[in-house]
Protein backbone atom coordinates (compact mmCIF):
# COMPACT_ATOMS: atom_id res chain seq x y z
CA MET A 1 16.64 3.78 -14.75
CA ALA A 2 17.66 0.59 -12.96
CA GLN A 3 17.39 -3.15 -13.75
CA PHE A 4 17.27 -6.42 -11.76
CA VAL A 5 19.12 -9.29 -13.32
CA ILE A 6 17.87 -12.56 -11.88
CA GLN A 7 19.09 -16.18 -12.44
CA GLY A 8 16.08 -18.36 -11.81
CA GLY A 9 15.63 -21.77 -10.43
CA LYS A 10 16.68 -21.39 -6.85
CA SER A 11 14.33 -21.96 -3.92
CA LEU A 12 14.17 -19.39 -1.10
CA ASN A 13 15.33 -20.58 2.37
CA GLY A 14 15.86 -18.68 5.62
CA GLU A 15 14.24 -15.91 7.50
CA VAL A 16 13.10 -12.45 6.65
CA ALA A 17 11.49 -9.69 8.81
CA VAL A 18 8.69 -7.49 7.60
CA TYR A 19 9.05 -3.72 7.90
CA GLY A 20 6.29 -1.26 8.79
CA ALA A 21 3.22 -0.72 6.76
CA LYS A 22 3.85 1.77 3.91
CA ASN A 23 0.19 2.74 3.70
CA ALA A 24 0.00 3.46 7.35
CA ALA A 25 3.31 5.35 7.68
CA LEU A 26 2.56 7.74 4.74
CA LYS A 27 -0.67 8.87 6.28
CA MET A 28 0.99 9.28 9.77
CA ILE A 29 3.65 11.60 8.26
CA ALA A 30 0.79 13.68 6.82
CA ALA A 31 -1.14 13.63 10.19
CA SER A 32 1.90 15.42 11.88
CA ILE A 33 0.76 18.67 10.15
CA LEU A 34 -2.14 18.62 12.63
CA THR A 35 0.07 19.65 15.57
CA ASP A 36 2.95 22.09 16.24
CA GLN A 37 4.44 19.53 18.70
CA VAL A 38 6.89 16.76 17.85
CA VAL A 39 5.54 13.53 16.35
CA VAL A 40 7.85 10.42 16.40
CA ILE A 41 6.89 7.50 14.12
CA ARG A 42 8.83 4.34 14.36
CA ASN A 43 9.17 1.16 12.15
CA VAL A 44 8.87 3.33 9.05
CA PRO A 45 10.08 1.57 5.83
CA ASP A 46 12.94 3.39 3.99
CA ILE A 47 11.25 3.46 0.56
CA LEU A 48 10.82 6.01 -2.16
CA ASP A 49 7.17 6.86 -1.39
CA ILE A 50 8.04 7.64 2.25
CA ARG A 51 11.05 9.78 1.08
CA SER A 52 8.62 11.69 -1.21
CA MET A 53 6.15 12.30 1.63
CA VAL A 54 8.94 13.53 3.89
CA HIS A 55 10.08 15.82 1.03
CA ILE A 56 6.55 17.25 0.75
CA LEU A 57 6.45 18.22 4.36
CA LYS A 58 9.98 19.65 4.21
CA LYS A 59 8.96 21.88 1.27
CA LEU A 60 6.02 23.14 3.42
CA GLY A 61 8.38 24.15 6.21
CA ALA A 62 8.38 21.08 8.55
CA ASP A 63 11.48 20.14 10.49
CA ILE A 64 12.08 16.34 9.75
CA GLU A 65 14.60 13.78 10.54
CA PHE A 66 14.38 10.33 8.93
CA LYS A 67 17.06 7.79 10.22
CA ASP A 68 17.10 4.12 11.18
CA HIS A 69 13.37 3.63 10.41
CA ILE A 70 12.42 6.51 12.69
CA VAL A 71 10.81 9.78 11.46
CA ARG A 72 10.84 12.74 13.84
CA ILE A 73 8.62 15.55 12.71
CA GLU A 74 7.93 19.01 14.09
CA CYS A 75 5.51 21.15 12.02
CA ARG A 76 5.65 24.23 14.24
CA ASP A 77 7.07 26.40 11.44
CA ILE A 78 4.83 25.25 8.58
CA LYS A 79 3.53 28.43 6.88
CA SER A 80 2.32 27.19 3.43
CA SER A 81 -0.84 25.28 2.79
CA GLU A 82 0.25 24.49 -0.82
CA PRO A 83 2.24 21.33 -1.33
CA ASP A 84 4.85 21.14 -4.03
CA TYR A 85 3.15 20.60 -7.47
CA GLN A 86 5.68 18.04 -8.90
CA LEU A 87 5.91 16.00 -5.74
CA VAL A 88 2.15 15.63 -5.36
CA LYS A 89 1.72 15.10 -9.15
CA HIS A 90 3.91 11.96 -9.06
CA MET A 91 2.60 10.23 -5.90
CA ARG A 92 -1.10 9.59 -5.45
CA GLY A 93 -0.72 8.86 -1.78
CA SER A 94 0.13 12.50 -1.27
CA VAL A 95 -3.65 13.28 -1.56
CA VAL A 96 -3.97 12.69 2.15
CA VAL A 97 -2.31 16.03 2.93
CA ILE A 98 -5.59 17.69 1.97
CA GLY A 99 -7.26 16.77 5.31
CA PRO A 100 -4.55 17.87 7.60
CA LEU A 101 -3.89 21.09 5.68
CA LEU A 102 -7.58 22.00 5.71
CA ALA A 103 -7.77 21.30 9.47
CA ARG A 104 -4.70 23.62 10.03
CA PHE A 105 -5.08 26.41 7.41
CA ARG A 106 -8.78 26.01 6.29
CA GLN A 107 -7.51 26.02 2.68
CA THR A 108 -5.17 24.20 0.29
CA LYS A 109 -4.73 23.42 -3.41
CA ILE A 110 -3.26 20.43 -5.09
CA PRO A 111 -2.80 19.12 -8.64
CA GLN A 112 -4.43 15.89 -9.72
CA PRO A 113 -2.26 13.27 -7.83
CA GLY A 114 -0.32 10.76 -9.83
CA GLY A 115 1.10 7.37 -8.98
CA CYS A 116 1.07 3.87 -10.44
CA LEU A 117 -0.69 3.17 -13.84
CA ILE A 118 -3.26 0.72 -12.35
CA GLY A 119 -6.38 2.35 -13.69
CA ALA A 120 -8.54 5.49 -13.21
CA ARG A 121 -8.61 6.75 -9.60
CA PRO A 122 -10.24 10.09 -9.50
CA ILE A 123 -10.58 11.94 -6.16
CA ASP A 124 -14.33 12.52 -6.65
CA THR A 125 -15.05 10.52 -3.47
CA HIS A 126 -12.74 12.86 -1.40
CA ILE A 127 -14.29 16.00 -2.92
CA LYS A 128 -17.88 14.94 -2.22
CA ALA A 129 -16.97 13.90 1.30
CA PHE A 130 -15.26 17.22 2.11
CA THR A 131 -18.20 19.24 0.91
CA GLN A 132 -20.26 17.40 3.58
CA LEU A 133 -17.88 18.97 6.10
CA GLY A 134 -18.60 22.45 4.72
CA VAL A 135 -15.57 22.63 2.30
CA ARG A 136 -15.79 24.49 -0.83
CA VAL A 137 -14.10 22.75 -3.79
CA THR A 138 -13.31 24.17 -7.26
CA GLN A 139 -10.86 23.24 -9.96
CA ASP A 140 -9.19 24.49 -13.12
CA LYS A 141 -7.01 22.63 -15.68
CA ASP A 142 -4.07 22.45 -13.14
CA TYR A 143 -5.41 22.35 -9.56
CA TYR A 144 -8.11 21.45 -7.13
CA TYR A 145 -8.86 24.30 -4.61
CA PHE A 146 -10.26 23.52 -1.20
CA SER A 147 -11.40 26.15 1.34
CA ALA A 148 -13.61 26.53 4.33
CA ASP A 149 -14.48 29.23 6.91
CA ARG A 150 -14.70 26.48 9.52
CA LEU A 151 -14.93 22.67 9.32
CA HIS A 152 -18.14 21.43 10.78
CA GLY A 153 -18.84 17.88 11.91
CA SER A 154 -21.55 16.08 10.07
CA ARG A 155 -22.71 12.65 8.80
CA VAL A 156 -20.40 11.89 5.88
CA VAL A 157 -21.39 9.15 3.51
CA LEU A 158 -18.67 8.01 1.17
CA ASP A 159 -19.46 6.98 -2.36
CA GLU A 160 -17.15 3.96 -2.12
CA MET A 161 -15.09 2.38 0.65
CA SER A 162 -12.05 4.40 -0.32
CA VAL A 163 -9.05 4.01 2.13
CA THR A 164 -7.47 7.44 1.35
CA ALA A 165 -10.85 9.17 1.42
CA THR A 166 -11.67 7.58 4.85
CA GLU A 167 -8.22 8.81 6.14
CA ASN A 168 -8.55 12.24 4.66
CA ILE A 169 -11.95 12.96 6.26
CA MET A 170 -10.84 11.40 9.52
CA MET A 171 -7.87 13.77 9.74
CA ALA A 172 -9.85 16.78 8.72
CA ALA A 173 -12.58 16.07 11.26
CA VAL A 174 -10.38 15.67 14.31
CA CYS A 175 -10.43 19.44 14.84
CA ALA A 176 -13.77 20.21 13.32
CA VAL A 177 -16.65 21.77 15.33
CA GLY A 178 -18.93 19.00 16.52
CA THR A 179 -19.09 15.31 15.71
CA THR A 180 -18.45 13.64 12.46
CA GLU A 181 -19.68 10.16 11.43
CA ILE A 182 -18.04 8.54 8.43
CA HIS A 183 -20.38 5.97 6.92
CA LEU A 184 -19.22 3.32 4.40
CA ALA A 185 -15.74 3.85 5.76
CA ALA A 186 -12.92 1.62 4.65
CA ALA A 187 -11.81 -0.82 7.40
CA GLU A 188 -8.22 -1.57 6.60
CA PRO A 189 -5.87 -2.22 9.42
CA GLU A 190 -3.78 0.82 8.30
CA ILE A 191 -6.78 3.08 9.08
CA PHE A 192 -7.07 1.60 12.58
CA ASP A 193 -3.32 2.21 13.07
CA LEU A 194 -3.65 5.89 11.92
CA ALA A 195 -6.54 6.30 14.31
CA ASN A 196 -4.42 4.98 17.09
CA LEU A 197 -1.80 7.59 16.41
CA LEU A 198 -4.29 10.42 16.22
CA ASN A 199 -5.91 9.34 19.49
CA LYS A 200 -2.46 9.37 21.15
CA MET A 201 -2.27 12.96 19.75
CA GLY A 202 -5.50 13.87 21.66
CA ALA A 203 -8.15 13.05 18.98
CA ARG A 204 -11.38 11.31 19.86
CA ILE A 205 -11.97 8.55 17.37
CA ARG A 206 -14.19 5.47 17.72
CA GLY A 207 -14.92 2.76 15.34
CA ALA A 208 -11.80 2.81 13.15
CA GLY A 209 -11.53 -0.59 11.53
CA THR A 210 -15.27 -0.74 11.04
CA ASN A 211 -17.53 0.81 8.36
CA ILE A 212 -18.70 3.61 10.69
CA ILE A 213 -16.15 5.86 12.27
CA THR A 214 -17.11 8.52 14.80
CA ILE A 215 -14.85 11.59 15.41
CA GLU A 216 -15.56 14.09 18.15
CA GLY A 217 -13.76 17.33 17.26
CA VAL A 218 -11.20 18.76 19.68
CA ARG A 219 -9.55 22.17 19.84
CA ALA A 220 -5.98 21.08 19.23
CA LEU A 221 -3.76 17.97 18.99
CA LYS A 222 -0.37 17.33 20.67
CA GLY A 223 2.72 15.38 19.90
CA ALA A 224 2.94 11.63 20.16
CA ASP A 225 5.20 8.62 19.75
CA HIS A 226 3.90 5.64 17.75
CA THR A 227 5.17 2.40 16.10
CA VAL A 228 3.74 1.45 12.79
CA ILE A 229 2.10 -2.02 12.22
CA PRO A 230 3.85 -4.62 10.10
CA ASP A 231 3.11 -4.33 6.23
CA ARG A 232 0.71 -7.11 5.43
CA ILE A 233 1.33 -6.65 1.69
CA GLU A 234 5.06 -7.06 2.02
CA ALA A 235 4.42 -10.18 4.19
CA GLY A 236 2.15 -11.58 1.55
CA THR A 237 4.64 -10.90 -1.16
CA PHE A 238 7.38 -12.75 0.62
CA ALA A 239 5.05 -15.61 1.44
CA ILE A 240 4.05 -16.07 -2.16
CA ALA A 241 7.67 -15.99 -3.34
CA ALA A 242 8.64 -18.60 -0.73
CA ALA A 243 5.72 -20.83 -1.68
CA VAL A 244 6.11 -20.58 -5.38
CA SER A 245 9.94 -21.31 -5.26
CA ARG A 246 9.04 -24.42 -3.16
CA GLY A 247 11.17 -22.82 -0.42
CA ASP A 248 11.30 -22.94 3.32
CA VAL A 249 11.05 -19.50 4.75
CA ARG A 250 10.02 -17.95 8.10
CA ILE A 251 8.47 -14.50 7.67
CA GLN A 252 8.87 -12.69 11.01
CA ASN A 253 7.00 -9.66 12.45
CA ILE A 254 3.55 -10.32 11.00
CA ILE A 255 -0.04 -9.92 12.36
CA PRO A 256 -1.72 -13.14 11.34
CA ASP A 257 -5.22 -11.73 11.46
CA HIS A 258 -4.27 -9.07 8.77
CA LEU A 259 -3.52 -12.00 6.41
CA ASP A 260 -6.66 -13.97 6.90
CA ALA A 261 -7.86 -13.68 3.20
CA VAL A 262 -4.42 -14.51 1.94
CA LEU A 263 -3.90 -17.54 4.10
CA GLN A 264 -7.37 -18.79 3.21
CA GLN A 265 -6.32 -18.85 -0.37
CA PHE A 266 -3.08 -20.50 0.59
CA ARG A 267 -5.17 -23.32 2.11
CA HIS A 268 -7.27 -23.63 -1.00
CA ALA A 269 -4.07 -23.74 -3.15
CA ASN A 270 -2.53 -26.45 -1.00
CA VAL A 271 0.33 -24.23 0.15
CA SER A 272 2.01 -25.64 3.27
CA TYR A 273 2.45 -23.19 6.01
CA GLU A 274 2.18 -22.67 9.81
CA ILE A 275 1.86 -19.68 12.19
CA GLU A 276 4.58 -19.86 14.87
CA ASN A 277 4.86 -17.92 18.13
CA GLY A 278 1.90 -15.74 17.07
CA SER A 279 3.95 -13.47 14.80
CA THR A 280 5.87 -15.70 12.34
CA LEU A 281 4.57 -17.26 9.13
CA HIS A 282 6.52 -20.37 8.20
CA VAL A 283 6.05 -21.18 4.54
CA LYS A 284 7.12 -24.85 3.95
CA PRO A 285 8.01 -26.63 0.72
CA THR A 286 4.87 -27.59 -1.32
CA THR A 287 4.89 -30.09 -4.17
CA ILE A 288 1.50 -29.66 -5.85
CA PHE A 289 -0.46 -26.40 -6.08
CA HIS A 290 -4.19 -26.55 -6.64
CA PRO A 291 -6.09 -24.08 -8.93
CA ILE A 292 -8.15 -21.42 -7.16
CA ARG A 293 -10.44 -18.48 -7.82
CA ILE A 294 -9.39 -15.00 -6.60
CA GLU A 295 -11.64 -12.02 -6.26
CA THR A 296 -10.10 -8.84 -4.90
CA ARG A 297 -12.21 -7.05 -2.29
CA PRO A 298 -11.77 -4.16 0.23
CA TYR A 299 -10.44 -5.43 3.51
CA PRO A 300 -11.04 -7.97 5.00
CA GLY A 301 -11.31 -9.47 1.49
CA TYR A 302 -8.37 -10.54 -0.63
CA PRO A 303 -6.19 -7.51 -1.20
CA THR A 304 -5.85 -6.01 -4.74
CA ASP A 305 -2.13 -5.45 -3.99
CA LEU A 306 -1.52 -9.18 -3.82
CA GLN A 307 -3.56 -10.07 -6.85
CA ALA A 308 -0.65 -9.76 -9.30
CA PRO A 309 1.89 -11.63 -7.08
CA ILE A 310 -0.32 -14.63 -6.55
CA SER A 311 -0.81 -15.04 -10.36
CA VAL A 312 2.76 -16.43 -10.47
CA LEU A 313 1.81 -19.17 -8.09
CA LEU A 314 -1.23 -20.00 -10.17
CA THR A 315 0.99 -20.56 -13.32
CA GLN A 316 2.39 -23.51 -11.34
CA ALA A 317 -1.01 -24.87 -10.19
CA SER A 318 -2.40 -28.04 -11.63
CA GLY A 319 -5.52 -26.77 -13.54
CA THR A 320 -7.13 -23.54 -14.48
CA SER A 321 -7.40 -20.63 -12.09
CA THR A 322 -9.38 -17.44 -12.30
CA ILE A 323 -8.60 -13.88 -11.06
CA PHE A 324 -11.35 -11.33 -10.90
CA GLU A 325 -9.85 -7.89 -10.21
CA THR A 326 -12.87 -5.95 -8.92
CA MET A 327 -11.15 -2.65 -8.10
CA TYR A 328 -8.80 -1.35 -10.79
CA GLU A 329 -9.12 -2.03 -14.52
CA GLY A 330 -5.38 -1.34 -15.13
CA ARG A 331 -4.09 -3.80 -12.58
CA LEU A 332 -3.76 -6.62 -15.13
CA GLY A 333 -1.15 -4.92 -17.13
CA TYR A 334 1.48 -7.39 -15.96
CA VAL A 335 -0.20 -10.24 -17.81
CA SER A 336 1.70 -9.39 -21.14
CA GLU A 337 5.00 -9.65 -19.33
CA LEU A 338 4.20 -13.12 -17.82
CA GLU A 339 3.10 -14.31 -21.23
CA LYS A 340 6.53 -13.34 -22.58
CA MET A 341 7.95 -15.76 -19.98
CA GLY A 342 5.65 -18.57 -21.13
CA ALA A 343 2.62 -18.24 -18.87
CA THR A 344 -0.69 -19.44 -20.41
CA ILE A 345 -3.12 -16.56 -19.55
CA THR A 346 -6.45 -15.84 -21.14
CA LYS A 347 -7.77 -12.28 -20.62
CA ILE A 348 -11.61 -12.48 -20.43
CA ASP A 349 -12.04 -8.78 -20.09
CA SER A 350 -10.34 -5.80 -18.41
CA HIS A 351 -11.07 -7.25 -14.94
CA VAL A 352 -10.92 -11.09 -15.45
CA ILE A 353 -8.25 -13.48 -16.48
CA SER A 354 -7.86 -17.35 -16.43
CA ILE A 355 -4.50 -18.97 -15.87
CA ALA A 356 -3.70 -22.50 -17.05
CA GLY A 357 -0.96 -24.54 -15.27
CA PRO A 358 1.38 -25.94 -14.44
CA THR A 359 3.43 -24.06 -17.06
CA PRO A 360 7.25 -23.54 -17.05
CA LEU A 361 8.47 -20.01 -17.17
CA TYR A 362 11.55 -18.93 -19.05
CA GLY A 363 13.83 -15.95 -18.29
CA THR A 364 13.58 -12.97 -20.70
CA LYS A 365 13.59 -9.19 -20.70
CA ILE A 366 10.49 -7.79 -19.04
CA THR A 367 9.24 -4.40 -17.66
CA SER A 368 7.60 -3.39 -14.42
CA PHE A 369 4.56 -1.04 -14.82
CA ASP A 370 3.80 -0.42 -11.11
CA ILE A 371 4.91 -1.45 -7.61
CA ARG A 372 3.06 -4.77 -7.31
CA ALA A 373 3.60 -5.78 -11.02
CA GLY A 374 7.28 -5.24 -10.25
CA ALA A 375 7.19 -7.60 -7.30
CA THR A 376 5.23 -10.03 -9.42
CA LEU A 377 7.89 -10.11 -12.17
CA ILE A 378 10.66 -10.64 -9.50
CA ILE A 379 8.72 -13.71 -8.20
CA ALA A 380 8.27 -15.00 -11.71
CA ALA A 381 11.97 -14.57 -12.55
CA LEU A 382 12.92 -16.41 -9.32
CA ILE A 383 11.34 -19.56 -10.64
CA ALA A 384 12.06 -19.12 -14.33
CA GLN A 385 14.57 -21.14 -16.28
CA GLY A 386 17.61 -19.06 -17.12
CA GLU A 387 18.16 -15.36 -16.76
CA SER A 388 15.63 -12.51 -16.58
CA THR A 389 16.16 -8.76 -16.79
CA ILE A 390 13.54 -6.53 -15.24
CA GLU A 391 13.33 -2.90 -16.31
CA ARG A 392 12.09 0.11 -14.37
CA VAL A 393 12.71 -1.53 -10.90
CA GLU A 394 12.64 1.91 -9.28
CA LEU A 395 8.88 1.43 -9.16
CA VAL A 396 9.48 -1.54 -6.91
CA ASP A 397 11.64 0.70 -4.61
CA ARG A 398 8.54 2.78 -4.02
CA GLY A 399 6.95 -0.01 -1.96
CA TYR A 400 9.72 -2.49 -0.83
CA GLU A 401 12.84 -1.57 0.97
CA GLY A 402 16.08 -3.27 -0.17
CA ILE A 403 14.17 -6.15 -1.83
CA GLU A 404 17.15 -7.40 -3.68
CA GLN A 405 19.35 -7.74 -0.49
CA ARG A 406 16.56 -9.41 1.37
CA LEU A 407 15.94 -11.94 -1.38
CA GLN A 408 19.80 -12.52 -1.64
CA ASN A 409 19.73 -13.28 2.05
CA LEU A 410 17.17 -16.05 1.33
CA GLY A 411 19.43 -17.54 -1.46
CA ALA A 412 18.05 -15.77 -4.54
CA SER A 413 20.46 -14.87 -7.37
CA ILE A 414 19.47 -11.18 -7.95
CA LYS A 415 21.57 -8.04 -8.64
CA ARG A 416 20.68 -4.44 -9.41
CA ILE A 417 22.28 -2.67 -12.37
CA GLU A 418 22.01 1.14 -12.40
């Protein structure tokens, strides 16, 4: 177990560059299973979740090198269709190996995937979608079993706009017989980026980034070289930290369109910022924050992954703000930790909270429950009076590369204690 010890009260100043999108890179590594040729993925963040996915493929028999944010993968010698039980059990994102393994081996089995404690996230949407491609699915107390004599393209209607279900079906369908249409598909930029890689590999995918994706099956895929898009959640996290610290920070290597919903809320909250040179978000010092209402929605709505971080800013707004977490009932677990620091938060129900401000925050001992809650507590500690100790920061390492060094470079007083 590791801790962060943070001395609060310092504004952030300087420049920070955003790394590649975790939620795109993870799926691209899984997609390499679809070919026996070399796949090179660039701008990959060096975080624990990526390391776990690399390990999953190594255990399957892949030849992988991960160095300097570049992953080189050759899956020629993969012989097993059964990913490691413990690795899958502890990272929910690993569920996306089902599609590529089905496409290659026509069968696989996985345990119920694990991950952050942010609420119930069963894989029912995946299972129902796979059955529409002709896949047989059974389960016992330990495993889900997937098998098919052949994957057949069809009209697949998702029960919900699930990002991972959309990606799973897209990867399974690229080598299916015939044409697949995914309806009610998720439209996140990371899906569009994955489709770009698959098309470089020889897939025929149209409509990624919309709610209807069409995939014409092909006989085989080839190798490719691709650079991952910037991580919009990391960009938003640094932007919120800069704003709430009343700092002056340029966040480089962003795609502004991917932050539309976040920047719209910044405008409502009176955060001062400017887009420079088309790829830099300049957050400027702000004196007074206005209260706002946040509702998390699938992209292009406000992202659930930035719901917790912006709550810290709302503790400093002049008035009462409301957050409606529409997606995960467990995503408000961080509230009790902010209350320990002095935040005035009323929990209406498992999905809605109101935050009164402005309220001073005070350093204390707090605990991270998931990746984004950990980032939230770091932001809170940066503006708190006195010293804060954050427990279980290895969860933050799952989603943010070297966050303490990057914050130190911006003037924060933060150190890691193992």
